[in-house]
């Protein structure tokens, strides 16, 4: 039996679903969202927001994490809004330069 939602399908058949999810999410929704963001790292910030929201969905629906599953919409909305605000406005110090991965 296959899960009806894309999260569950991705967990069951990651190779078969990954390209479709990437296309719809990254090249579609998140790319459009990134175009609306101002400042540096717009694509990265948009993808982090996507990861945040997908992670919340996975933890709430699939994992059924107790605190998150029992939280009201309003409790969740307030906390998530703060995180999304930080990513959209960028009112945190800029990231440090990436370290070289040479071994």
C-alpha atoms as a PDB file:
ATOM      1  CA  UNK A   1       0.000   0.000   0.000  1.00  0.00           C
ATOM      2  CA  UNK A   2       1.407   3.390  -1.029  1.00  0.00           C
ATOM      3  CA  UNK A   3       1.060   6.494   1.118  1.00  0.00           C
ATOM      4  CA  UNK A   4      -1.309   9.085  -0.342  1.00  0.00           C
ATOM      5  CA  UNK A   5       0.834  12.070   0.562  1.00  0.00           C
ATOM      6  CA  UNK A   6       4.131  13.128  -1.078  1.00  0.00           C
ATOM      7  CA  UNK A   7       6.074  12.911   2.196  1.00  0.00           C
ATOM      8  CA  UNK A   8       5.129   9.278   2.684  1.00  0.00           C
ATOM      9  CA  UNK A   9       5.714   8.462  -0.975  1.00  0.00           C
ATOM     10  CA  UNK A  10       9.171  10.001  -0.816  1.00  0.00           C
ATOM     11  CA  UNK A  11      10.019   7.858   2.190  1.00  0.00           C
ATOM     12  CA  UNK A  12       8.786   4.669   0.497  1.00  0.00           C
ATOM     13  CA  UNK A  13      10.251   5.264  -2.978  1.00  0.00           C
ATOM     14  CA  UNK A  14      12.782   8.088  -2.744  1.00  0.00           C
ATOM     15  CA  UNK A  15      14.420   7.523  -6.148  1.00  0.00           C
ATOM     16  CA  UNK A  16      11.110   7.441  -8.006  1.00  0.00           C
ATOM     17  CA  UNK A  17       9.691  10.539  -6.308  1.00  0.00           C
ATOM     18  CA  UNK A  18      12.728  12.730  -5.641  1.00  0.00           C
ATOM     19  CA  UNK A  19      12.945  14.321  -9.102  1.00  0.00           C
ATOM     20  CA  UNK A  20       9.246  15.164  -9.153  1.00  0.00           C
ATOM     21  CA  UNK A  21       9.379  16.692  -5.680  1.00  0.00           C
ATOM     22  CA  UNK A  22      12.528  18.663  -6.546  1.00  0.00           C
ATOM     23  CA  UNK A  23      10.927  19.970  -9.716  1.00  0.00           C
ATOM     24  CA  UNK A  24       7.684  21.007  -8.044  1.00  0.00           C
ATOM     25  CA  UNK A  25       9.231  22.402  -4.883  1.00  0.00           C
ATOM     26  CA  UNK A  26      12.640  23.788  -5.822  1.00  0.00           C
ATOM     27  CA  UNK A  27      12.148  24.769  -9.441  1.00  0.00           C
ATOM     28  CA  UNK A  28       8.528  25.747  -8.872  1.00  0.00           C
ATOM     29  CA  UNK A  29       7.257  27.088  -5.573  1.00  0.00           C
ATOM     30  CA  UNK A  30      10.540  27.874  -3.860  1.00  0.00           C
ATOM     31  CA  UNK A  31      12.152  29.470  -6.930  1.00  0.00           C
ATOM     32  CA  UNK A  32       9.115  31.736  -7.279  1.00  0.00           C
ATOM     33  CA  UNK A  33       9.327  32.582  -3.589  1.00  0.00           C
ATOM     34  CA  UNK A  34      13.074  33.263  -3.791  1.00  0.00           C
ATOM     35  CA  UNK A  35      12.428  35.837  -6.532  1.00  0.00           C
ATOM     36  CA  UNK A  36      10.285  37.785  -4.076  1.00  0.00           C
ATOM     37  CA  UNK A  37      12.929  37.866  -1.341  1.00  0.00           C
ATOM     38  CA  UNK A  38      15.334  40.747  -1.101  1.00  0.00           C
ATOM     39  CA  UNK A  39      18.968  40.498  -0.145  1.00  0.00           C
ATOM     40  CA  UNK A  40      21.665  37.888  -0.372  1.00  0.00           C
ATOM     41  CA  UNK A  41      21.115  34.142  -0.403  1.00  0.00           C
ATOM     42  CA  UNK A  42      17.456  34.395  -1.460  1.00  0.00           C
ATOM     43  CA  UNK A  43      17.429  30.883  -2.968  1.00  0.00           C
ATOM     44  CA  UNK A  44      19.026  29.386   0.127  1.00  0.00           C
ATOM     45  CA  UNK A  45      16.627  31.209   2.448  1.00  0.00           C
ATOM     46  CA  UNK A  46      13.626  30.097   0.370  1.00  0.00           C
ATOM     47  CA  UNK A  47      14.799  26.474   0.466  1.00  0.00           C
ATOM     48  CA  UNK A  48      15.358  26.694   4.219  1.00  0.00           C
ATOM     49  CA  UNK A  49      11.756  27.871   4.589  1.00  0.00           C
ATOM     50  CA  UNK A  50      10.631  24.938   2.482  1.00  0.00           C
ATOM     51  CA  UNK A  51      12.682  22.572   4.639  1.00  0.00           C
ATOM     52  CA  UNK A  52      11.214  24.108   7.786  1.00  0.00           C
ATOM     53  CA  UNK A  53       7.636  23.718   6.589  1.00  0.00           C
ATOM     54  CA  UNK A  54       8.160  20.215   5.197  1.00  0.00           C
ATOM     55  CA  UNK A  55       9.880  19.191   8.412  1.00  0.00           C
ATOM     56  CA  UNK A  56       6.945  20.457  10.430  1.00  0.00           C
ATOM     57  CA  UNK A  57       4.609  18.465   8.197  1.00  0.00           C
ATOM     58  CA  UNK A  58       6.665  15.294   8.567  1.00  0.00           C
ATOM     59  CA  UNK A  59       7.007  15.654  12.335  1.00  0.00           C
ATOM     60  CA  UNK A  60       3.315  16.430  12.797  1.00  0.00           C
ATOM     61  CA  UNK A  61       1.740  14.008  10.305  1.00  0.00           C
ATOM     62  CA  UNK A  62       4.094  11.076   9.853  1.00  0.00           C
ATOM     63  CA  UNK A  63       6.124  10.987  13.056  1.00  0.00           C
ATOM     64  CA  UNK A  64       3.259  12.338  15.158  1.00  0.00           C
ATOM     65  CA  UNK A  65       5.655  14.076  17.523  1.00  0.00           C
ATOM     66  CA  UNK A  66       3.623  14.590  20.713  1.00  0.00           C
ATOM     67  CA  UNK A  67       4.136  18.304  21.423  1.00  0.00           C
ATOM     68  CA  UNK A  68       3.791  19.325  17.781  1.00  0.00           C
ATOM     69  CA  UNK A  69       0.791  17.082  17.147  1.00  0.00           C
ATOM     70  CA  UNK A  70      -0.997  18.444  20.195  1.00  0.00           C
ATOM     71  CA  UNK A  71      -0.172  22.108  19.568  1.00  0.00           C
ATOM     72  CA  UNK A  72      -2.979  24.317  18.342  1.00  0.00           C
ATOM     73  CA  UNK A  73      -2.751  26.041  14.998  1.00  0.00           C
ATOM     74  CA  UNK A  74      -2.247  29.374  16.752  1.00  0.00           C
ATOM     75  CA  UNK A  75       0.586  28.073  18.973  1.00  0.00           C
ATOM     76  CA  UNK A  76       2.359  26.693  15.935  1.00  0.00           C
ATOM     77  CA  UNK A  77       1.631  29.730  13.754  1.00  0.00           C
ATOM     78  CA  UNK A  78       3.222  32.188  16.185  1.00  0.00           C
ATOM     79  CA  UNK A  79       6.454  30.219  16.508  1.00  0.00           C
ATOM     80  CA  UNK A  80       6.743  29.422  12.810  1.00  0.00           C
ATOM     81  CA  UNK A  81       6.012  33.039  11.902  1.00  0.00           C
ATOM     82  CA  UNK A  82       9.040  34.122  13.947  1.00  0.00           C
ATOM     83  CA  UNK A  83      11.285  31.662  12.116  1.00  0.00           C
ATOM     84  CA  UNK A  84       9.942  32.611   8.693  1.00  0.00           C
ATOM     85  CA  UNK A  85      10.272  36.305   9.532  1.00  0.00           C
ATOM     86  CA  UNK A  86      13.942  35.829  10.317  1.00  0.00           C
ATOM     87  CA  UNK A  87      14.516  34.067   7.005  1.00  0.00           C
ATOM     88  CA  UNK A  88      12.531  36.560   4.933  1.00  0.00           C
ATOM     89  CA  UNK A  89      13.774  39.752   6.538  1.00  0.00           C
ATOM     90  CA  UNK A  90      17.273  38.529   7.187  1.00  0.00           C
ATOM     91  CA  UNK A  91      17.666  40.390  10.473  1.00  0.00           C
ATOM     92  CA  UNK A  92      20.428  38.086  11.672  1.00  0.00           C
ATOM     93  CA  UNK A  93      24.181  38.444  11.143  1.00  0.00           C
ATOM     94  CA  UNK A  94      25.363  37.316   7.695  1.00  0.00           C
ATOM     95  CA  UNK A  95      26.614  33.729   7.462  1.00  0.00           C
ATOM     96  CA  UNK A  96      30.295  33.025   7.811  1.00  0.00           C
ATOM     97  CA  UNK A  97      32.144  32.105   4.622  1.00  0.00           C
ATOM     98  CA  UNK A  98      31.980  28.408   3.861  1.00  0.00           C
ATOM     99  CA  UNK A  99      34.973  26.394   4.970  1.00  0.00           C
ATOM    100  CA  UNK A 100      36.898  24.489   2.358  1.00  0.00           C
ATOM    101  CA  UNK A 101      36.085  20.773   2.291  1.00  0.00           C
ATOM    102  CA  UNK A 102      39.521  19.724   1.195  1.00  0.00           C
ATOM    103  CA  UNK A 103      40.906  16.786   3.138  1.00  0.00           C
END
